[in-house]
Amino acid sequence: MTLQDQIFDIPSEHAQNVYGQFDAYLKKIERATGVTVVARDGGVKLMGSGPQVESAKQVLLELLELSARGSQITEQNVDYALAMAMEKRAGALLEIDGDMICHTVSGKAIKPKTLGQKQYVDAIRKDMIVFGIGPAGTGKTYLAMAMAITAFKANEVERIILTRPAIEAGEKLGFLPGDLQSKVDPYLRPLYDALYQIMGAESFQKNMEKGLIEVAPLAYMRGRTLDNAFIILDEAQNTTQAQMKMFLTRVGFGSKVVVTGDETQKDLSPDVRSGLEVAEKVLGRVEGITFCRLTSRDVVRHPLVQRIVTAYEDYEKKAVRRKENHDAKSGRRVRPLARS
């Protein structure tokens, strides 16, 4: 194996951003690529095998370009740049960074952070109805909310409608005090949180009082026709087949719909089939409807969340294999798994 050294400059004004606090990002690059990284005044020295050095160099140069664009580099950026470098997909991180959706009320730029998220955002721009399916932390709802607010501010739609089924997450909450709005607010809180962060509480309240933003349980959608609106159905895995059909047939002219859900976190009764699962089978080939599947690689929360999601995915795959083996040994006919 041929070893090589490479030295290249990292301007001092970008060094801390690229290296991370206490050189945490450099240490992560070392562990992932197997190279030795030595930070020197005004640059870094990479030592290792040729392919390893090239991978580490690609990651550092992409992080440097990201910093030069004014972005604050996060651990998620480093992890994703490393993953793309291992797959020989140079420039993926920079391609994603160039797609800015909008800014939060505090001035923070909202952008897709993975290729999966970028495909999801591009699909929302292009198609009338988009299904975003994937595990927690992949930005399904947050990115849809950012796209809705961007369309609203650009006068592409006249109002934003946010809805989700009012089902407890694995526990019975019993009687809730207060009026009807007080009873449904806990189920809709995640949607309020995203609106406050992106739009600001004052702007949200003002537009909500005018009826331009509506946050309501899914049951409120029955009997309505929703024209010139950006409609988001969240937690769609908790809809029944009838509810999903009812919701999708509300869509009117000039509207755009995003349906988000995580098929692994259903709170329906075991004997009730999810409307999200049925919709994918029924509508998968309908023109104007796109199904975007996000994976554990698209998780943009704390890195530990990504590891948790991956661990559960591995566990569930093993459980399916064990069941198939058990059925085969017991002489029962094994029902083939439906392809997504």
C-alpha atoms as a PDB file:
ATOM      1  CA  MET A   1       0.000   0.000   0.000  1.00  0.00           C
ATOM      2  CA  THR A   2       1.474   3.346  -1.068  1.00  0.00           C
ATOM      3  CA  LEU A   3       1.464   5.990   1.642  1.00  0.00           C
ATOM      4  CA  GLN A   4       1.389   9.649   0.789  1.00  0.00           C
ATOM      5  CA  ASP A   5       1.337  13.042   2.455  1.00  0.00           C
ATOM      6  CA  GLN A   6      -0.633  16.064   1.333  1.00  0.00           C
ATOM      7  CA  ILE A   7      -0.529  19.567   2.720  1.00  0.00           C
ATOM      8  CA  PHE A   8      -3.018  22.274   1.792  1.00  0.00           C
ATOM      9  CA  ASP A   9      -4.057  25.634   3.168  1.00  0.00           C
ATOM     10  CA  ILE A  10      -7.020  26.360   5.414  1.00  0.00           C
ATOM     11  CA  PRO A  11      -7.361  30.161   5.870  1.00  0.00           C
ATOM     12  CA  SER A  12      -7.287  31.154   9.529  1.00  0.00           C
ATOM     13  CA  GLU A  13     -10.722  32.829   9.378  1.00  0.00           C
ATOM     14  CA  HIS A  14     -12.279  29.449   8.465  1.00  0.00           C
ATOM     15  CA  ALA A  15     -10.101  27.139  10.568  1.00  0.00           C
ATOM     16  CA  GLN A  16     -12.292  26.975  13.675  1.00  0.00           C
ATOM     17  CA  ASN A  17     -15.443  26.433  11.618  1.00  0.00           C
ATOM     18  CA  VAL A  18     -13.851  23.633   9.570  1.00  0.00           C
ATOM     19  CA  TYR A  19     -11.943  21.961  12.424  1.00  0.00           C
ATOM     20  CA  GLY A  20     -14.749  22.107  14.983  1.00  0.00           C
ATOM     21  CA  GLN A  21     -14.433  22.837  18.690  1.00  0.00           C
ATOM     22  CA  PHE A  22     -11.245  21.250  20.041  1.00  0.00           C
ATOM     23  CA  ASP A  23     -10.633  19.859  16.500  1.00  0.00           C
ATOM     24  CA  ALA A  24     -13.657  17.555  16.898  1.00  0.00           C
ATOM     25  CA  TYR A  25     -14.391  17.472  13.164  1.00  0.00           C
ATOM     26  CA  LEU A  26     -10.768  16.650  12.285  1.00  0.00           C
ATOM     27  CA  LYS A  27     -10.839  13.731  14.753  1.00  0.00           C
ATOM     28  CA  LYS A  28     -14.070  12.471  13.209  1.00  0.00           C
ATOM     29  CA  ILE A  29     -12.498  12.635   9.720  1.00  0.00           C
ATOM     30  CA  GLU A  30      -9.451  10.746  11.016  1.00  0.00           C
ATOM     31  CA  ARG A  31     -11.613   7.947  12.480  1.00  0.00           C
ATOM     32  CA  ALA A  32     -13.803   7.641   9.385  1.00  0.00           C
ATOM     33  CA  THR A  33     -11.097   7.696   6.714  1.00  0.00           C
ATOM     34  CA  GLY A  34      -8.157   6.141   8.565  1.00  0.00           C
ATOM     35  CA  VAL A  35      -5.785   9.016   7.750  1.00  0.00           C
ATOM     36  CA  THR A  36      -3.702  11.015  10.167  1.00  0.00           C
ATOM     37  CA  VAL A  37      -4.689  14.679  10.148  1.00  0.00           C
ATOM     38  CA  VAL A  38      -2.284  17.244  11.566  1.00  0.00           C
ATOM     39  CA  ALA A  39      -3.467  20.845  11.846  1.00  0.00           C
ATOM     40  CA  ARG A  40      -0.681  23.369  11.347  1.00  0.00           C
ATOM     41  CA  ASP A  41      -0.596  27.141  11.170  1.00  0.00           C
ATOM     42  CA  GLY A  42      -2.630  28.016   8.111  1.00  0.00           C
ATOM     43  CA  GLY A  43      -3.223  24.481   6.889  1.00  0.00           C
ATOM     44  CA  VAL A  44      -3.518  20.735   7.432  1.00  0.00           C
ATOM     45  CA  LYS A  45      -1.307  17.754   6.643  1.00  0.00           C
ATOM     46  CA  LEU A  46      -2.920  14.440   5.650  1.00  0.00           C
ATOM     47  CA  MET A  47      -0.980  11.178   5.945  1.00  0.00           C
ATOM     48  CA  GLY A  48      -2.243   7.775   4.802  1.00  0.00           C
ATOM     49  CA  SER A  49      -2.950   5.642   1.760  1.00  0.00           C
ATOM     50  CA  GLY A  50      -3.771   7.377  -1.512  1.00  0.00           C
ATOM     51  CA  PRO A  51      -7.563   6.723  -1.608  1.00  0.00           C
ATOM     52  CA  GLN A  52      -7.949   7.549   2.090  1.00  0.00           C
ATOM     53  CA  VAL A  53      -6.065  10.824   1.729  1.00  0.00           C
ATOM     54  CA  GLU A  54      -8.187  11.776  -1.292  1.00  0.00           C
ATOM     55  CA  SER A  55     -11.406  11.088   0.633  1.00  0.00           C
ATOM     56  CA  ALA A  56     -10.269  13.152   3.625  1.00  0.00           C
ATOM     57  CA  LYS A  57      -9.105  15.972   1.341  1.00  0.00           C
ATOM     58  CA  GLN A  58     -12.455  16.007  -0.492  1.00  0.00           C
ATOM     59  CA  VAL A  59     -14.327  16.314   2.812  1.00  0.00           C
ATOM     60  CA  LEU A  60     -12.103  19.122   4.106  1.00  0.00           C
ATOM     61  CA  LEU A  61     -12.300  21.091   0.848  1.00  0.00           C
ATOM     62  CA  GLU A  62     -16.105  20.803   0.805  1.00  0.00           C
ATOM     63  CA  LEU A  63     -16.287  21.977   4.430  1.00  0.00           C
ATOM     64  CA  LEU A  64     -13.957  24.869   3.574  1.00  0.00           C
ATOM     65  CA  GLU A  65     -16.165  25.914   0.638  1.00  0.00           C
ATOM     66  CA  LEU A  66     -19.223  25.625   2.884  1.00  0.00           C
ATOM     67  CA  SER A  67     -17.569  27.919   5.420  1.00  0.00           C
ATOM     68  CA  ALA A  68     -16.540  30.368   2.679  1.00  0.00           C
ATOM     69  CA  ARG A  69     -20.231  30.614   1.700  1.00  0.00           C
ATOM     70  CA  GLY A  70     -20.995  31.805   5.212  1.00  0.00           C
ATOM     71  CA  SER A  71     -22.491  28.573   6.586  1.00  0.00           C
ATOM     72  CA  GLN A  72     -21.938  27.430  10.154  1.00  0.00           C
ATOM     73  CA  ILE A  73     -20.635  23.880   9.865  1.00  0.00           C
ATOM     74  CA  THR A  74     -22.403  21.286  12.005  1.00  0.00           C
ATOM     75  CA  GLU A  75     -21.592  17.717  12.945  1.00  0.00           C
ATOM     76  CA  GLN A  76     -24.355  16.605  10.580  1.00  0.00           C
ATOM     77  CA  ASN A  77     -22.562  18.377   7.686  1.00  0.00           C
ATOM     78  CA  VAL A  78     -19.350  16.503   8.508  1.00  0.00           C
ATOM     79  CA  ASP A  79     -21.105  13.125   8.812  1.00  0.00           C
ATOM     80  CA  TYR A  80     -22.886  13.597   5.497  1.00  0.00           C
ATOM     81  CA  ALA A  81     -19.758  14.813   3.672  1.00  0.00           C
ATOM     82  CA  LEU A  82     -17.944  11.695   4.936  1.00  0.00           C
ATOM     83  CA  ALA A  83     -20.773   9.403   3.794  1.00  0.00           C
ATOM     84  CA  MET A  84     -20.780  10.986   0.329  1.00  0.00           C
ATOM     85  CA  ALA A  85     -16.977  10.781   0.087  1.00  0.00           C
ATOM     86  CA  MET A  86     -17.104   7.049   0.847  1.00  0.00           C
ATOM     87  CA  GLU A  87     -19.602   6.669  -2.021  1.00  0.00           C
ATOM     88  CA  LYS A  88     -17.393   8.728  -4.364  1.00  0.00           C
ATOM     89  CA  ARG A  89     -20.076  11.411  -4.741  1.00  0.00           C
ATOM     90  CA  ALA A  90     -17.919  14.513  -4.742  1.00  0.00           C
ATOM     91  CA  GLY A  91     -19.674  17.858  -4.410  1.00  0.00           C
ATOM     92  CA  ALA A  92     -22.966  16.490  -3.045  1.00  0.00           C
ATOM     93  CA  LEU A  93     -22.803  18.618   0.102  1.00  0.00           C
ATOM     94  CA  LEU A  94     -22.193  21.808  -1.911  1.00  0.00           C
ATOM     95  CA  GLU A  95     -24.990  20.980  -4.355  1.00  0.00           C
ATOM     96  CA  ILE A  96     -27.429  20.674  -1.449  1.00  0.00           C
ATOM     97  CA  ASP A  97     -26.201  23.843   0.252  1.00  0.00           C
ATOM     98  CA  GLY A  98     -27.021  25.910  -2.837  1.00  0.00           C
ATOM     99  CA  ASP A  99     -30.764  25.268  -2.436  1.00  0.00           C
ATOM    100  CA  MET A 100     -32.058  27.851   0.066  1.00  0.00           C
ATOM    101  CA  ILE A 101     -35.786  27.677   0.856  1.00  0.00           C
ATOM    102  CA  CYS A 102     -36.288  30.583   3.265  1.00  0.00           C
ATOM    103  CA  HIS A 103     -35.070  32.050   6.569  1.00  0.00           C
ATOM    104  CA  THR A 104     -36.450  31.598  10.060  1.00  0.00           C
ATOM    105  CA  VAL A 105     -37.617  34.631  12.008  1.00  0.00           C
ATOM    106  CA  SER A 106     -34.169  34.700  13.655  1.00  0.00           C
ATOM    107  CA  GLY A 107     -32.445  34.811  10.255  1.00  0.00           C
ATOM    108  CA  LYS A 108     -31.290  31.191  10.068  1.00  0.00           C
ATOM    109  CA  ALA A 109     -31.311  29.781   6.524  1.00  0.00           C
ATOM    110  CA  ILE A 110     -33.493  26.720   5.935  1.00  0.00           C
ATOM    111  CA  LYS A 111     -31.975  24.368   3.353  1.00  0.00           C
ATOM    112  CA  PRO A 112     -32.154  20.658   2.564  1.00  0.00           C
ATOM    113  CA  LYS A 113     -29.234  18.928   4.282  1.00  0.00           C
ATOM    114  CA  THR A 114     -29.147  15.618   2.405  1.00  0.00           C
ATOM    115  CA  LEU A 115     -29.731  14.479  -1.171  1.00  0.00           C
ATOM    116  CA  GLY A 116     -32.926  12.757  -0.025  1.00  0.00           C
ATOM    117  CA  GLN A 117     -34.215  16.020   1.424  1.00  0.00           C
ATOM    118  CA  LYS A 118     -33.291  17.896  -1.756  1.00  0.00           C
ATOM    119  CA  GLN A 119     -35.240  15.397  -3.877  1.00  0.00           C
ATOM    120  CA  TYR A 120     -38.190  15.850  -1.502  1.00  0.00           C
ATOM    121  CA  VAL A 121     -38.064  19.659  -1.792  1.00  0.00           C
ATOM    122  CA  ASP A 122     -37.701  19.476  -5.596  1.00  0.00           C
ATOM    123  CA  ALA A 123     -40.731  17.167  -5.758  1.00  0.00           C
ATOM    124  CA  ILE A 124     -42.805  19.646  -3.721  1.00  0.00           C
ATOM    125  CA  ARG A 125     -41.864  22.409  -6.164  1.00  0.00           C
ATOM    126  CA  LYS A 126     -42.780  20.269  -9.183  1.00  0.00           C
ATOM    127  CA  ASP A 127     -45.818  18.160  -8.277  1.00  0.00           C
ATOM    128  CA  MET A 128     -49.294  18.903  -6.955  1.00  0.00           C
ATOM    129  CA  ILE A 129     -49.336  16.103  -4.357  1.00  0.00           C
ATOM    130  CA  VAL A 130     -46.203  14.786  -2.621  1.00  0.00           C
ATOM    131  CA  PHE A 131     -45.945  12.053  -0.002  1.00  0.00           C
ATOM    132  CA  GLY A 132     -42.902  12.341   2.291  1.00  0.00           C
ATOM    133  CA  ILE A 133     -42.379   8.997   4.031  1.00  0.00           C
ATOM    134  CA  GLY A 134     -39.543   8.288   6.432  1.00  0.00           C
ATOM    135  CA  PRO A 135     -38.357   7.996  10.027  1.00  0.00           C
ATOM    136  CA  ALA A 136     -38.367  10.676  12.706  1.00  0.00           C
ATOM    137  CA  GLY A 137     -35.845  13.485  12.293  1.00  0.00           C
ATOM    138  CA  THR A 138     -35.686  13.489   8.485  1.00  0.00           C
ATOM    139  CA  GLY A 139     -37.289  16.952   8.215  1.00  0.00           C
ATOM    140  CA  LYS A 140     -40.477  15.802   6.466  1.00  0.00           C
ATOM    141  CA  THR A 141     -42.826  18.214   8.243  1.00  0.00           C
ATOM    142  CA  TYR A 142     -40.345  21.051   8.805  1.00  0.00           C
ATOM    143  CA  LEU A 143     -39.302  21.291   5.155  1.00  0.00           C
ATOM    144  CA  ALA A 144     -42.930  21.060   4.011  1.00  0.00           C
ATOM    145  CA  MET A 145     -43.771  23.888   6.417  1.00  0.00           C
ATOM    146  CA  ALA A 146     -40.898  26.009   5.060  1.00  0.00           C
ATOM    147  CA  MET A 147     -42.094  25.408   1.500  1.00  0.00           C
ATOM    148  CA  ALA A 148     -45.666  26.329   2.496  1.00  0.00           C
ATOM    149  CA  ILE A 149     -44.617  29.599   4.129  1.00  0.00           C
ATOM    150  CA  THR A 150     -42.392  30.454   1.139  1.00  0.00           C
ATOM    151  CA  ALA A 151     -45.313  29.869  -1.267  1.00  0.00           C
ATOM    152  CA  PHE A 152     -47.633  31.915   0.967  1.00  0.00           C
ATOM    153  CA  LYS A 153     -45.252  34.886   1.149  1.00  0.00           C
ATOM    154  CA  ALA A 154     -44.740  34.753  -2.628  1.00  0.00           C
ATOM    155  CA  ASN A 155     -48.549  34.876  -3.123  1.00  0.00           C
ATOM    156  CA  GLU A 156     -48.488  31.513  -4.884  1.00  0.00           C
ATOM    157  CA  VAL A 157     -51.247  30.357  -2.500  1.00  0.00           C
ATOM    158  CA  GLU A 158     -53.823  32.332  -0.521  1.00  0.00           C
ATOM    159  CA  ARG A 159     -53.660  30.309   2.692  1.00  0.00           C
ATOM    160  CA  ILE A 160     -51.917  27.515   4.550  1.00  0.00           C
ATOM    161  CA  ILE A 161     -53.862  24.607   6.017  1.00  0.00           C
ATOM    162  CA  LEU A 162     -52.135  22.234   8.435  1.00  0.00           C
ATOM    163  CA  THR A 163     -53.851  19.124   9.690  1.00  0.00           C
ATOM    164  CA  ARG A 164     -53.176  15.828  11.396  1.00  0.00           C
ATOM    165  CA  PRO A 165     -55.302  13.007  12.871  1.00  0.00           C
ATOM    166  CA  ALA A 166     -56.008  13.459  16.596  1.00  0.00           C
ATOM    167  CA  ILE A 167     -54.715  10.124  17.891  1.00  0.00           C
ATOM    168  CA  GLU A 168     -52.712   9.594  21.086  1.00  0.00           C
ATOM    169  CA  ALA A 169     -49.162   8.310  20.608  1.00  0.00           C
ATOM    170  CA  GLY A 170     -49.468   4.905  22.259  1.00  0.00           C
ATOM    171  CA  GLU A 171     -51.260   6.059  25.408  1.00  0.00           C
ATOM    172  CA  LYS A 172     -54.782   7.011  26.362  1.00  0.00           C
ATOM    173  CA  LEU A 173     -54.948  10.557  27.669  1.00  0.00           C
ATOM    174  CA  GLY A 174     -58.557  10.343  28.811  1.00  0.00           C
ATOM    175  CA  PHE A 175     -60.658  13.447  29.370  1.00  0.00           C
ATOM    176  CA  LEU A 176     -59.006  16.749  28.491  1.00  0.00           C
ATOM    177  CA  PRO A 177     -60.439  19.930  30.051  1.00  0.00           C
ATOM    178  CA  GLY A 178     -61.308  23.141  28.184  1.00  0.00           C
ATOM    179  CA  ASP A 179     -63.113  24.053  24.980  1.00  0.00           C
ATOM    180  CA  LEU A 180     -62.742  22.176  21.692  1.00  0.00           C
ATOM    181  CA  GLN A 181     -59.642  24.150  20.608  1.00  0.00           C
ATOM    182  CA  SER A 182     -57.963  23.364  23.944  1.00  0.00           C
ATOM    183  CA  LYS A 183     -58.688  19.676  23.444  1.00  0.00           C
ATOM    184  CA  VAL A 184     -57.132  19.436  19.987  1.00  0.00           C
ATOM    185  CA  ASP A 185     -54.179  21.819  20.529  1.00  0.00           C
ATOM    186  CA  PRO A 186     -51.914  19.155  22.155  1.00  0.00           C
ATOM    187  CA  TYR A 187     -52.137  17.029  18.990  1.00  0.00           C
ATOM    188  CA  LEU A 188     -51.252  20.009  16.804  1.00  0.00           C
ATOM    189  CA  ARG A 189     -48.444  21.417  18.965  1.00  0.00           C
ATOM    190  CA  PRO A 190     -45.593  20.186  16.691  1.00  0.00           C
ATOM    191  CA  LEU A 191     -47.137  22.151  13.813  1.00  0.00           C
ATOM    192  CA  TYR A 192     -47.408  25.313  15.934  1.00  0.00           C
ATOM    193  CA  ASP A 193     -43.770  24.930  17.015  1.00  0.00           C
ATOM    194  CA  ALA A 194     -42.535  24.848  13.409  1.00  0.00           C
ATOM    195  CA  LEU A 195     -44.722  27.833  12.444  1.00  0.00           C
ATOM    196  CA  TYR A 196     -43.458  29.924  15.364  1.00  0.00           C
ATOM    197  CA  GLN A 197     -39.839  29.187  14.490  1.00  0.00           C
ATOM    198  CA  ILE A 198     -40.123  29.939  10.778  1.00  0.00           C
ATOM    199  CA  MET A 199     -42.763  32.667  10.719  1.00  0.00           C
ATOM    200  CA  GLY A 200     -42.608  34.173  14.205  1.00  0.00           C
ATOM    201  CA  ALA A 201     -45.398  34.121  16.800  1.00  0.00           C
ATOM    202  CA  GLU A 202     -46.720  37.610  16.000  1.00  0.00           C
ATOM    203  CA  SER A 203     -46.991  37.027  12.235  1.00  0.00           C
ATOM    204  CA  PHE A 204     -48.512  33.608  12.802  1.00  0.00           C
ATOM    205  CA  GLN A 205     -51.188  34.946  15.176  1.00  0.00           C
ATOM    206  CA  LYS A 206     -52.040  37.809  12.816  1.00  0.00           C
ATOM    207  CA  ASN A 207     -52.477  35.508   9.810  1.00  0.00           C
ATOM    208  CA  MET A 208     -54.358  32.942  11.853  1.00  0.00           C
ATOM    209  CA  GLU A 209     -56.859  35.573  13.041  1.00  0.00           C
ATOM    210  CA  LYS A 210     -57.447  36.526   9.393  1.00  0.00           C
ATOM    211  CA  GLY A 211     -58.089  32.892   8.516  1.00  0.00           C
ATOM    212  CA  LEU A 212     -55.050  32.764   6.238  1.00  0.00           C
ATOM    213  CA  ILE A 213     -53.414  30.042   8.343  1.00  0.00           C
ATOM    214  CA  GLU A 214     -55.509  27.200   9.688  1.00  0.00           C
ATOM    215  CA  VAL A 215     -54.335  24.429  12.009  1.00  0.00           C
ATOM    216  CA  ALA A 216     -57.041  21.825  12.523  1.00  0.00           C
ATOM    217  CA  PRO A 217     -57.684  18.119  13.139  1.00  0.00           C
ATOM    218  CA  LEU A 218     -58.209  15.970  10.062  1.00  0.00           C
ATOM    219  CA  ALA A 219     -61.894  15.454  10.885  1.00  0.00           C
ATOM    220  CA  TYR A 220     -62.489  19.174  10.158  1.00  0.00           C
ATOM    221  CA  MET A 221     -61.583  18.625   6.488  1.00  0.00           C
ATOM    222  CA  ARG A 222     -64.732  16.650   5.636  1.00  0.00           C
ATOM    223  CA  GLY A 223     -67.121  18.393   3.249  1.00  0.00           C
ATOM    224  CA  ARG A 224     -64.696  21.132   2.238  1.00  0.00           C
ATOM    225  CA  THR A 225     -63.087  22.026  -1.098  1.00  0.00           C
ATOM    226  CA  LEU A 226     -59.665  23.562  -0.627  1.00  0.00           C
ATOM    227  CA  ASP A 227     -58.720  25.923  -3.479  1.00  0.00           C
ATOM    228  CA  ASN A 228     -55.536  28.053  -3.724  1.00  0.00           C
ATOM    229  CA  ALA A 229     -54.099  26.561  -0.547  1.00  0.00           C
ATOM    230  CA  PHE A 230     -50.919  24.829   0.573  1.00  0.00           C
ATOM    231  CA  ILE A 231     -52.156  21.858   2.599  1.00  0.00           C
ATOM    232  CA  ILE A 232     -49.993  19.673   4.837  1.00  0.00           C
ATOM    233  CA  LEU A 233     -51.259  16.428   6.358  1.00  0.00           C
ATOM    234  CA  ASP A 234     -48.878  15.371   9.126  1.00  0.00           C
ATOM    235  CA  GLU A 235     -48.660  11.955  10.874  1.00  0.00           C
ATOM    236  CA  ALA A 236     -50.496  10.372   7.939  1.00  0.00           C
ATOM    237  CA  GLN A 237     -49.627   6.859   9.128  1.00  0.00           C
ATOM    238  CA  ASN A 238     -52.417   7.358  11.691  1.00  0.00           C
ATOM    239  CA  THR A 239     -55.115   7.928   9.073  1.00  0.00           C
ATOM    240  CA  THR A 240     -57.524   5.195   8.092  1.00  0.00           C
ATOM    241  CA  GLN A 241     -58.086   4.317   4.432  1.00  0.00           C
ATOM    242  CA  ALA A 242     -61.380   6.254   4.457  1.00  0.00           C
ATOM    243  CA  GLN A 243     -59.784   9.324   6.069  1.00  0.00           C
ATOM    244  CA  MET A 244     -56.965   9.420   3.514  1.00  0.00           C
ATOM    245  CA  LYS A 245     -59.407   9.178   0.610  1.00  0.00           C
ATOM    246  CA  MET A 246     -61.577  11.899   2.177  1.00  0.00           C
ATOM    247  CA  PHE A 247     -58.550  14.197   2.604  1.00  0.00           C
ATOM    248  CA  LEU A 248     -57.125  13.733  -0.900  1.00  0.00           C
ATOM    249  CA  THR A 249     -60.489  14.407  -2.512  1.00  0.00           C
ATOM    250  CA  ARG A 250     -60.707  17.811  -0.800  1.00  0.00           C
ATOM    251  CA  VAL A 251     -57.967  19.241  -3.041  1.00  0.00           C
ATOM    252  CA  GLY A 252     -59.121  22.063  -5.316  1.00  0.00           C
ATOM    253  CA  PHE A 253     -57.642  24.220  -8.080  1.00  0.00           C
ATOM    254  CA  GLY A 254     -54.394  26.069  -7.412  1.00  0.00           C
ATOM    255  CA  SER A 255     -53.595  23.963  -4.352  1.00  0.00           C
ATOM    256  CA  LYS A 256     -50.535  21.967  -3.374  1.00  0.00           C
ATOM    257  CA  VAL A 257     -50.585  19.052  -0.916  1.00  0.00           C
ATOM    258  CA  VAL A 258     -47.820  17.456   1.136  1.00  0.00           C
ATOM    259  CA  VAL A 259     -48.578  14.300   3.123  1.00  0.00           C
ATOM    260  CA  THR A 260     -45.974  13.225   5.687  1.00  0.00           C
ATOM    261  CA  GLY A 261     -45.746  10.076   7.753  1.00  0.00           C
ATOM    262  CA  ASP A 262     -43.602   7.366   9.319  1.00  0.00           C
ATOM    263  CA  GLU A 263     -44.952   3.870   8.701  1.00  0.00           C
ATOM    264  CA  THR A 264     -43.021   2.489  11.680  1.00  0.00           C
ATOM    265  CA  GLN A 265     -44.844   4.712  14.216  1.00  0.00           C
ATOM    266  CA  LYS A 266     -48.515   3.835  13.722  1.00  0.00           C
ATOM    267  CA  ASP A 267     -50.873   4.392  16.663  1.00  0.00           C
ATOM    268  CA  LEU A 268     -53.892   2.784  14.999  1.00  0.00           C
ATOM    269  CA  SER A 269     -55.474  -0.397  16.320  1.00  0.00           C
ATOM    270  CA  PRO A 270     -53.647  -3.514  15.049  1.00  0.00           C
ATOM    271  CA  ASP A 271     -56.653  -4.528  12.940  1.00  0.00           C
ATOM    272  CA  VAL A 272     -56.867  -1.125  11.174  1.00  0.00           C
ATOM    273  CA  ARG A 273     -54.818  -0.664   7.994  1.00  0.00           C
ATOM    274  CA  SER A 274     -53.040   2.663   7.614  1.00  0.00           C
ATOM    275  CA  GLY A 275     -54.382   5.006   4.950  1.00  0.00           C
ATOM    276  CA  LEU A 276     -50.778   5.951   4.107  1.00  0.00           C
ATOM    277  CA  GLU A 277     -49.877   2.349   3.300  1.00  0.00           C
ATOM    278  CA  VAL A 278     -52.964   1.920   1.106  1.00  0.00           C
ATOM    279  CA  ALA A 279     -52.376   5.256  -0.674  1.00  0.00           C
ATOM    280  CA  GLU A 280     -48.898   4.188  -1.764  1.00  0.00           C
ATOM    281  CA  LYS A 281     -50.293   1.026  -3.372  1.00  0.00           C
ATOM    282  CA  VAL A 282     -53.276   2.773  -4.982  1.00  0.00           C
ATOM    283  CA  LEU A 283     -51.641   6.030  -6.128  1.00  0.00           C
ATOM    284  CA  GLY A 284     -48.038   4.978  -6.791  1.00  0.00           C
ATOM    285  CA  ARG A 285     -48.396   5.353 -10.586  1.00  0.00           C
ATOM    286  CA  VAL A 286     -50.798   8.282 -10.747  1.00  0.00           C
ATOM    287  CA  GLU A 287     -49.364  11.226 -12.707  1.00  0.00           C
ATOM    288  CA  GLY A 288     -48.872  14.366 -10.609  1.00  0.00           C
ATOM    289  CA  ILE A 289     -48.338  12.424  -7.380  1.00  0.00           C
ATOM    290  CA  THR A 290     -44.829  11.667  -6.090  1.00  0.00           C
ATOM    291  CA  PHE A 291     -43.790   9.414  -3.224  1.00  0.00           C
ATOM    292  CA  CYS A 292     -40.459  10.425  -1.637  1.00  0.00           C
ATOM    293  CA  ARG A 293     -38.844   7.932   0.713  1.00  0.00           C
ATOM    294  CA  LEU A 294     -36.402   9.323   3.253  1.00  0.00           C
ATOM    295  CA  THR A 295     -34.139   6.981   5.226  1.00  0.00           C
ATOM    296  CA  SER A 296     -31.971   6.977   8.331  1.00  0.00           C
ATOM    297  CA  ARG A 297     -29.270   8.667   6.223  1.00  0.00           C
ATOM    298  CA  ASP A 298     -31.551  11.715   5.936  1.00  0.00           C
ATOM    299  CA  VAL A 299     -31.916  12.153   9.724  1.00  0.00           C
ATOM    300  CA  VAL A 300     -30.710  15.652  10.584  1.00  0.00           C
ATOM    301  CA  ARG A 301     -31.290  15.708  14.334  1.00  0.00           C
ATOM    302  CA  HIS A 302     -28.602  14.760  16.855  1.00  0.00           C
ATOM    303  CA  PRO A 303     -26.332  11.992  15.439  1.00  0.00           C
ATOM    304  CA  LEU A 304     -27.593   9.702  18.201  1.00  0.00           C
ATOM    305  CA  VAL A 305     -31.095   9.878  16.656  1.00  0.00           C
ATOM    306  CA  GLN A 306     -29.680   8.523  13.394  1.00  0.00           C
ATOM    307  CA  ARG A 307     -28.070   5.627  15.265  1.00  0.00           C
ATOM    308  CA  ILE A 308     -31.347   4.923  17.093  1.00  0.00           C
ATOM    309  CA  VAL A 309     -33.318   4.873  13.828  1.00  0.00           C
ATOM    310  CA  THR A 310     -30.742   2.569  12.192  1.00  0.00           C
ATOM    311  CA  ALA A 311     -30.769   0.207  15.204  1.00  0.00           C
ATOM    312  CA  TYR A 312     -34.562  -0.079  15.064  1.00  0.00           C
ATOM    313  CA  GLU A 313     -34.492  -0.664  11.292  1.00  0.00           C
ATOM    314  CA  ASP A 314     -31.975  -3.497  11.766  1.00  0.00           C
ATOM    315  CA  TYR A 315     -34.044  -5.000  14.597  1.00  0.00           C
ATOM    316  CA  GLU A 316     -37.253  -4.922  12.533  1.00  0.00           C
ATOM    317  CA  LYS A 317     -35.551  -6.512   9.504  1.00  0.00           C
ATOM    318  CA  LYS A 318     -34.233  -9.335  11.706  1.00  0.00           C
ATOM    319  CA  ALA A 319     -37.712  -9.826  13.195  1.00  0.00           C
ATOM    320  CA  VAL A 320     -39.176 -10.196   9.683  1.00  0.00           C
ATOM    321  CA  ARG A 321     -36.489 -12.741   8.741  1.00  0.00           C
ATOM    322  CA  ARG A 322     -37.086 -14.726  11.950  1.00  0.00           C
ATOM    323  CA  LYS A 323     -40.824 -14.839  11.216  1.00  0.00           C
ATOM    324  CA  GLU A 324     -40.217 -15.965   7.621  1.00  0.00           C
ATOM    325  CA  ASN A 325     -37.857 -18.722   8.816  1.00  0.00           C
ATOM    326  CA  HIS A 326     -40.327 -19.819  11.483  1.00  0.00           C
ATOM    327  CA  ASP A 327     -43.167 -19.952   8.954  1.00  0.00           C
ATOM    328  CA  ALA A 328     -41.032 -21.910   6.494  1.00  0.00           C
ATOM    329  CA  LYS A 329     -40.003 -24.474   9.140  1.00  0.00           C
ATOM    330  CA  SER A 330     -43.575 -24.918  10.318  1.00  0.00           C
ATOM    331  CA  GLY A 331     -44.661 -25.724   6.762  1.00  0.00           C
ATOM    332  CA  ARG A 332     -46.866 -22.684   6.315  1.00  0.00           C
ATOM    333  CA  ARG A 333     -46.875 -20.748   3.094  1.00  0.00           C
ATOM    334  CA  VAL A 334     -44.824 -17.561   3.455  1.00  0.00           C
ATOM    335  CA  ARG A 335     -46.588 -14.509   2.117  1.00  0.00           C
ATOM    336  CA  PRO A 336     -44.131 -12.399   0.055  1.00  0.00           C
ATOM    337  CA  LEU A 337     -43.421  -8.901   1.310  1.00  0.00           C
ATOM    338  CA  ALA A 338     -44.938  -6.102  -0.763  1.00  0.00           C
ATOM    339  CA  ARG A 339     -42.356  -4.038  -2.573  1.00  0.00           C
ATOM    340  CA  SER A 340     -42.368  -0.295  -1.939  1.00  0.00           C
END
